[in-house]
Amino acid sequence: MPLQLNLNQMAKRTSIILKVMNVIFWVIFIGLCIKTGALLYSYFVSMAVNSIASQNLYMGLNLSELYNFGIGHYSIIVLMLIVLTGLEAYIGYWVVRIFIEMKLEKPFSESINRIITKISLIALWAGLLAVVAQVYSEWLMRQNIAMPVNWAYGEILFFAGVIYIVALVFKKGIDLQAENDLTV
């Protein structure tokens, strides 16, 4: 006789998985905030205290050649990197908000759909920033400046598209749930 999970066991298992995911996303969110803050702090140190800080901006990121080429170019690249990681942290914040607002009894809600749509728009802006940063980095490389930054604009734009599709599917789930509530 095959084992069958009853609905209570499935709900309990789902609840545990969601709690674990919530903790994981909190850790990711905090890590992204720390990364953004560390980049910002390192940038200010490299500009105000000691230019040697540009050799190890964050976890081995060496932009000293760019710093020596021009402080303006250095500032633009670092600020784009800070804004991009800040946008990633902001996406992490909204993912954490999904866990706060989600109710397993009625998972499809307008507030969750707004958050998912917001995440897709933030990811789109991050992807567009990464495209601009990539084009600028390629120009700098043509000036014989080493650019060790991978902007990953394709992955970010792909992520934005997938999240937007999820928002559309979620919106359809809201409509079906509302229709089901009316027929019951």
C-alpha atoms as a PDB file:
ATOM      1  CA  MET A   1       0.000   0.000   0.000  1.00  0.00           C
ATOM      2  CA  PRO A   2       1.607   3.307  -1.068  1.00  0.00           C
ATOM      3  CA  LEU A   3       2.200   5.974   1.521  1.00  0.00           C
ATOM      4  CA  GLN A   4       0.014   9.031   1.177  1.00  0.00           C
ATOM      5  CA  LEU A   5       0.614  12.379   2.738  1.00  0.00           C
ATOM      6  CA  ASN A   6      -2.487  13.906   4.154  1.00  0.00           C
ATOM      7  CA  LEU A   7      -3.165  17.608   3.791  1.00  0.00           C
ATOM      8  CA  ASN A   8      -2.032  18.419   7.335  1.00  0.00           C
ATOM      9  CA  GLN A   9       1.375  16.826   6.750  1.00  0.00           C
ATOM     10  CA  MET A  10       1.763  18.671   3.445  1.00  0.00           C
ATOM     11  CA  ALA A  11       0.764  21.985   5.032  1.00  0.00           C
ATOM     12  CA  LYS A  12       3.203  21.432   7.901  1.00  0.00           C
ATOM     13  CA  ARG A  13       6.016  20.541   5.492  1.00  0.00           C
ATOM     14  CA  THR A  14       5.253  23.595   3.330  1.00  0.00           C
ATOM     15  CA  SER A  15       5.220  25.821   6.410  1.00  0.00           C
ATOM     16  CA  ILE A  16       8.642  24.524   7.491  1.00  0.00           C
ATOM     17  CA  ILE A  17      10.082  25.023   4.007  1.00  0.00           C
ATOM     18  CA  LEU A  18       8.766  28.589   3.905  1.00  0.00           C
ATOM     19  CA  LYS A  19      10.253  29.339   7.340  1.00  0.00           C
ATOM     20  CA  VAL A  20      13.652  28.022   6.228  1.00  0.00           C
ATOM     21  CA  MET A  21      13.439  30.051   3.004  1.00  0.00           C
ATOM     22  CA  ASN A  22      12.503  33.126   5.035  1.00  0.00           C
ATOM     23  CA  VAL A  23      15.646  32.749   7.155  1.00  0.00           C
ATOM     24  CA  ILE A  24      17.782  32.215   4.041  1.00  0.00           C
ATOM     25  CA  PHE A  25      16.386  35.345   2.389  1.00  0.00           C
ATOM     26  CA  TRP A  26      16.967  37.380   5.554  1.00  0.00           C
ATOM     27  CA  VAL A  27      20.618  36.259   5.500  1.00  0.00           C
ATOM     28  CA  ILE A  28      20.922  37.144   1.802  1.00  0.00           C
ATOM     29  CA  PHE A  29      19.282  40.538   2.385  1.00  0.00           C
ATOM     30  CA  ILE A  30      21.612  41.351   5.278  1.00  0.00           C
ATOM     31  CA  GLY A  31      24.614  40.172   3.260  1.00  0.00           C
ATOM     32  CA  LEU A  32      23.671  42.424   0.335  1.00  0.00           C
ATOM     33  CA  CYS A  33      23.239  45.384   2.707  1.00  0.00           C
ATOM     34  CA  ILE A  34      26.690  44.697   4.168  1.00  0.00           C
ATOM     35  CA  LYS A  35      28.197  44.439   0.673  1.00  0.00           C
ATOM     36  CA  THR A  36      26.631  47.752  -0.354  1.00  0.00           C
ATOM     37  CA  GLY A  37      27.808  49.432   2.836  1.00  0.00           C
ATOM     38  CA  ALA A  38      31.315  47.990   2.501  1.00  0.00           C
ATOM     39  CA  LEU A  39      31.592  49.266  -1.071  1.00  0.00           C
ATOM     40  CA  LEU A  40      30.361  52.704  -0.029  1.00  0.00           C
ATOM     41  CA  TYR A  41      32.736  52.844   2.931  1.00  0.00           C
ATOM     42  CA  SER A  42      35.694  51.632   0.841  1.00  0.00           C
ATOM     43  CA  TYR A  43      34.927  54.225  -1.826  1.00  0.00           C
ATOM     44  CA  PHE A  44      34.945  57.033   0.740  1.00  0.00           C
ATOM     45  CA  VAL A  45      38.185  55.736   2.243  1.00  0.00           C
ATOM     46  CA  SER A  46      39.807  55.559  -1.194  1.00  0.00           C
ATOM     47  CA  MET A  47      38.694  59.118  -1.990  1.00  0.00           C
ATOM     48  CA  ALA A  48      39.223  60.879   1.338  1.00  0.00           C
ATOM     49  CA  VAL A  49      41.814  58.924   3.312  1.00  0.00           C
ATOM     50  CA  ASN A  50      44.107  56.821   1.149  1.00  0.00           C
ATOM     51  CA  SER A  51      44.016  56.031  -2.563  1.00  0.00           C
ATOM     52  CA  ILE A  52      45.650  52.661  -1.835  1.00  0.00           C
ATOM     53  CA  ALA A  53      42.165  51.474  -0.774  1.00  0.00           C
ATOM     54  CA  SER A  54      41.287  51.343  -4.493  1.00  0.00           C
ATOM     55  CA  GLN A  55      43.545  48.271  -4.725  1.00  0.00           C
ATOM     56  CA  ASN A  56      41.198  46.229  -2.536  1.00  0.00           C
ATOM     57  CA  LEU A  57      37.851  47.964  -2.771  1.00  0.00           C
ATOM     58  CA  TYR A  58      35.777  44.946  -1.766  1.00  0.00           C
ATOM     59  CA  MET A  59      36.881  41.317  -1.465  1.00  0.00           C
ATOM     60  CA  GLY A  60      39.903  41.757  -3.720  1.00  0.00           C
ATOM     61  CA  LEU A  61      38.315  44.101  -6.281  1.00  0.00           C
ATOM     62  CA  ASN A  62      41.276  46.099  -7.585  1.00  0.00           C
ATOM     63  CA  LEU A  63      40.339  49.322  -9.376  1.00  0.00           C
ATOM     64  CA  SER A  64      43.665  51.105  -8.763  1.00  0.00           C
ATOM     65  CA  GLU A  65      44.457  51.247 -12.480  1.00  0.00           C
ATOM     66  CA  LEU A  66      41.123  52.959 -13.091  1.00  0.00           C
ATOM     67  CA  TYR A  67      41.765  55.312 -10.140  1.00  0.00           C
ATOM     68  CA  ASN A  68      45.125  56.288 -11.648  1.00  0.00           C
ATOM     69  CA  PHE A  69      43.515  56.780 -15.073  1.00  0.00           C
ATOM     70  CA  GLY A  70      40.991  59.235 -13.690  1.00  0.00           C
ATOM     71  CA  ILE A  71      39.188  59.826 -10.421  1.00  0.00           C
ATOM     72  CA  GLY A  72      36.018  60.759 -12.298  1.00  0.00           C
ATOM     73  CA  HIS A  73      35.950  57.451 -14.183  1.00  0.00           C
ATOM     74  CA  TYR A  74      36.760  55.607 -10.963  1.00  0.00           C
ATOM     75  CA  SER A  75      33.914  57.374  -9.158  1.00  0.00           C
ATOM     76  CA  ILE A  76      31.408  56.616 -11.924  1.00  0.00           C
ATOM     77  CA  ILE A  77      32.245  52.896 -11.992  1.00  0.00           C
ATOM     78  CA  VAL A  78      32.271  52.525  -8.202  1.00  0.00           C
ATOM     79  CA  LEU A  79      29.025  54.480  -7.795  1.00  0.00           C
ATOM     80  CA  MET A  80      27.339  52.320 -10.459  1.00  0.00           C
ATOM     81  CA  LEU A  81      28.558  49.257  -8.569  1.00  0.00           C
ATOM     82  CA  ILE A  82      27.212  50.665  -5.292  1.00  0.00           C
ATOM     83  CA  VAL A  83      23.824  51.496  -6.839  1.00  0.00           C
ATOM     84  CA  LEU A  84      23.618  48.053  -8.470  1.00  0.00           C
ATOM     85  CA  THR A  85      24.339  46.221  -5.207  1.00  0.00           C
ATOM     86  CA  GLY A  86      21.934  48.601  -3.459  1.00  0.00           C
ATOM     87  CA  LEU A  87      19.217  47.631  -5.943  1.00  0.00           C
ATOM     88  CA  GLU A  88      19.987  43.958  -5.295  1.00  0.00           C
ATOM     89  CA  ALA A  89      19.595  44.595  -1.557  1.00  0.00           C
ATOM     90  CA  TYR A  90      16.326  46.432  -2.247  1.00  0.00           C
ATOM     91  CA  ILE A  91      15.066  43.394  -4.167  1.00  0.00           C
ATOM     92  CA  GLY A  92      16.084  41.273  -1.179  1.00  0.00           C
ATOM     93  CA  TYR A  93      14.048  43.567   1.067  1.00  0.00           C
ATOM     94  CA  TRP A  94      10.932  43.083  -1.051  1.00  0.00           C
ATOM     95  CA  VAL A  95      11.409  39.307  -1.102  1.00  0.00           C
ATOM     96  CA  VAL A  96      11.524  39.375   2.699  1.00  0.00           C
ATOM     97  CA  ARG A  97       8.314  41.454   2.624  1.00  0.00           C
ATOM     98  CA  ILE A  98       6.639  38.682   0.602  1.00  0.00           C
ATOM     99  CA  PHE A  99       7.314  36.271   3.451  1.00  0.00           C
ATOM    100  CA  ILE A 100       5.916  38.759   5.951  1.00  0.00           C
ATOM    101  CA  GLU A 101       2.685  39.344   4.018  1.00  0.00           C
ATOM    102  CA  MET A 102       2.041  35.869   2.588  1.00  0.00           C
ATOM    103  CA  LYS A 103      -0.808  33.847   4.077  1.00  0.00           C
ATOM    104  CA  LEU A 104      -0.853  30.153   3.161  1.00  0.00           C
ATOM    105  CA  GLU A 105      -4.646  30.038   3.440  1.00  0.00           C
ATOM    106  CA  LYS A 106      -5.004  32.630   0.633  1.00  0.00           C
ATOM    107  CA  PRO A 107      -1.636  32.880  -1.087  1.00  0.00           C
ATOM    108  CA  PHE A 108      -2.848  34.988  -4.007  1.00  0.00           C
ATOM    109  CA  SER A 109      -3.321  38.584  -2.901  1.00  0.00           C
ATOM    110  CA  GLU A 110      -3.055  41.997  -4.496  1.00  0.00           C
ATOM    111  CA  SER A 111      -0.370  43.081  -2.021  1.00  0.00           C
ATOM    112  CA  ILE A 112       1.863  40.134  -2.951  1.00  0.00           C
ATOM    113  CA  ASN A 113       1.245  40.790  -6.649  1.00  0.00           C
ATOM    114  CA  ARG A 114       2.255  44.444  -6.198  1.00  0.00           C
ATOM    115  CA  ILE A 115       5.460  43.335  -4.478  1.00  0.00           C
ATOM    116  CA  ILE A 116       6.300  40.835  -7.227  1.00  0.00           C
ATOM    117  CA  THR A 117       5.633  43.470  -9.889  1.00  0.00           C
ATOM    118  CA  LYS A 118       7.800  45.949  -7.962  1.00  0.00           C
ATOM    119  CA  ILE A 119      10.618  43.382  -7.805  1.00  0.00           C
ATOM    120  CA  SER A 120      10.444  42.927 -11.583  1.00  0.00           C
ATOM    121  CA  LEU A 121      10.630  46.706 -12.134  1.00  0.00           C
ATOM    122  CA  ILE A 122      13.569  47.099  -9.743  1.00  0.00           C
ATOM    123  CA  ALA A 123      15.326  44.226 -11.524  1.00  0.00           C
ATOM    124  CA  LEU A 124      14.628  45.891 -14.876  1.00  0.00           C
ATOM    125  CA  TRP A 125      16.210  49.150 -13.631  1.00  0.00           C
ATOM    126  CA  ALA A 126      19.158  47.183 -12.259  1.00  0.00           C
ATOM    127  CA  GLY A 127      19.552  45.436 -15.619  1.00  0.00           C
ATOM    128  CA  LEU A 128      19.461  48.723 -17.509  1.00  0.00           C
ATOM    129  CA  LEU A 129      22.066  50.187 -15.142  1.00  0.00           C
ATOM    130  CA  ALA A 130      24.219  47.092 -15.699  1.00  0.00           C
ATOM    131  CA  VAL A 131      23.926  47.547 -19.494  1.00  0.00           C
ATOM    132  CA  VAL A 132      25.102  51.172 -19.196  1.00  0.00           C
ATOM    133  CA  ALA A 133      27.914  50.097 -16.865  1.00  0.00           C
ATOM    134  CA  GLN A 134      28.965  47.340 -19.277  1.00  0.00           C
ATOM    135  CA  VAL A 135      29.096  49.756 -22.224  1.00  0.00           C
ATOM    136  CA  TYR A 136      31.104  52.240 -20.156  1.00  0.00           C
ATOM    137  CA  SER A 137      33.431  49.458 -18.953  1.00  0.00           C
ATOM    138  CA  GLU A 138      34.006  48.312 -22.532  1.00  0.00           C
ATOM    139  CA  TRP A 139      34.921  51.885 -23.495  1.00  0.00           C
ATOM    140  CA  LEU A 140      37.388  51.984 -20.601  1.00  0.00           C
ATOM    141  CA  MET A 141      38.892  48.656 -21.688  1.00  0.00           C
ATOM    142  CA  ARG A 142      39.427  50.126 -25.170  1.00  0.00           C
ATOM    143  CA  GLN A 143      41.465  52.810 -23.365  1.00  0.00           C
ATOM    144  CA  ASN A 144      43.652  49.925 -22.050  1.00  0.00           C
ATOM    145  CA  ILE A 145      42.223  50.063 -18.526  1.00  0.00           C
ATOM    146  CA  ALA A 146      41.700  46.722 -16.781  1.00  0.00           C
ATOM    147  CA  MET A 147      38.084  46.292 -15.687  1.00  0.00           C
ATOM    148  CA  PRO A 148      37.672  43.340 -13.305  1.00  0.00           C
ATOM    149  CA  VAL A 149      33.927  43.996 -12.816  1.00  0.00           C
ATOM    150  CA  ASN A 150      31.397  41.576 -14.326  1.00  0.00           C
ATOM    151  CA  TRP A 151      28.129  43.502 -14.641  1.00  0.00           C
ATOM    152  CA  ALA A 152      26.026  40.416 -15.584  1.00  0.00           C
ATOM    153  CA  TYR A 153      23.427  42.547 -17.337  1.00  0.00           C
ATOM    154  CA  GLY A 154      22.046  39.609 -19.319  1.00  0.00           C
ATOM    155  CA  GLU A 155      21.320  37.585 -16.201  1.00  0.00           C
ATOM    156  CA  ILE A 156      19.717  40.562 -14.460  1.00  0.00           C
ATOM    157  CA  LEU A 157      17.464  41.355 -17.436  1.00  0.00           C
ATOM    158  CA  PHE A 158      16.534  37.671 -17.742  1.00  0.00           C
ATOM    159  CA  PHE A 159      15.666  37.654 -14.017  1.00  0.00           C
ATOM    160  CA  ALA A 160      13.507  40.773 -14.495  1.00  0.00           C
ATOM    161  CA  GLY A 161      11.628  39.096 -17.347  1.00  0.00           C
ATOM    162  CA  VAL A 162      11.040  35.883 -15.416  1.00  0.00           C
ATOM    163  CA  ILE A 163       9.793  37.781 -12.358  1.00  0.00           C
ATOM    164  CA  TYR A 164       7.451  39.846 -14.563  1.00  0.00           C
ATOM    165  CA  ILE A 165       6.005  36.635 -16.021  1.00  0.00           C
ATOM    166  CA  VAL A 166       5.558  35.293 -12.480  1.00  0.00           C
ATOM    167  CA  ALA A 167       3.686  38.523 -11.632  1.00  0.00           C
ATOM    168  CA  LEU A 168       1.364  37.980 -14.610  1.00  0.00           C
ATOM    169  CA  VAL A 169       0.708  34.361 -13.610  1.00  0.00           C
ATOM    170  CA  PHE A 170       0.166  35.486 -10.015  1.00  0.00           C
ATOM    171  CA  LYS A 171      -2.368  38.073 -11.223  1.00  0.00           C
ATOM    172  CA  LYS A 172      -4.243  35.289 -13.019  1.00  0.00           C
ATOM    173  CA  GLY A 173      -4.159  33.274  -9.763  1.00  0.00           C
ATOM    174  CA  ILE A 174      -5.719  36.238  -7.955  1.00  0.00           C
ATOM    175  CA  ASP A 175      -8.495  36.398 -10.543  1.00  0.00           C
ATOM    176  CA  LEU A 176      -9.148  32.645 -10.285  1.00  0.00           C
ATOM    177  CA  GLN A 177      -9.120  32.777  -6.481  1.00  0.00           C
ATOM    178  CA  ALA A 178     -11.611  35.677  -6.506  1.00  0.00           C
ATOM    179  CA  GLU A 179     -13.806  33.824  -8.976  1.00  0.00           C
ATOM    180  CA  ASN A 180     -13.639  30.680  -6.808  1.00  0.00           C
ATOM    181  CA  ASP A 181     -14.576  32.719  -3.700  1.00  0.00           C
ATOM    182  CA  LEU A 182     -17.644  34.068  -5.526  1.00  0.00           C
ATOM    183  CA  THR A 183     -18.846  30.607  -6.591  1.00  0.00           C
ATOM    184  CA  VAL A 184     -18.504  29.020  -3.152  1.00  0.00           C
END
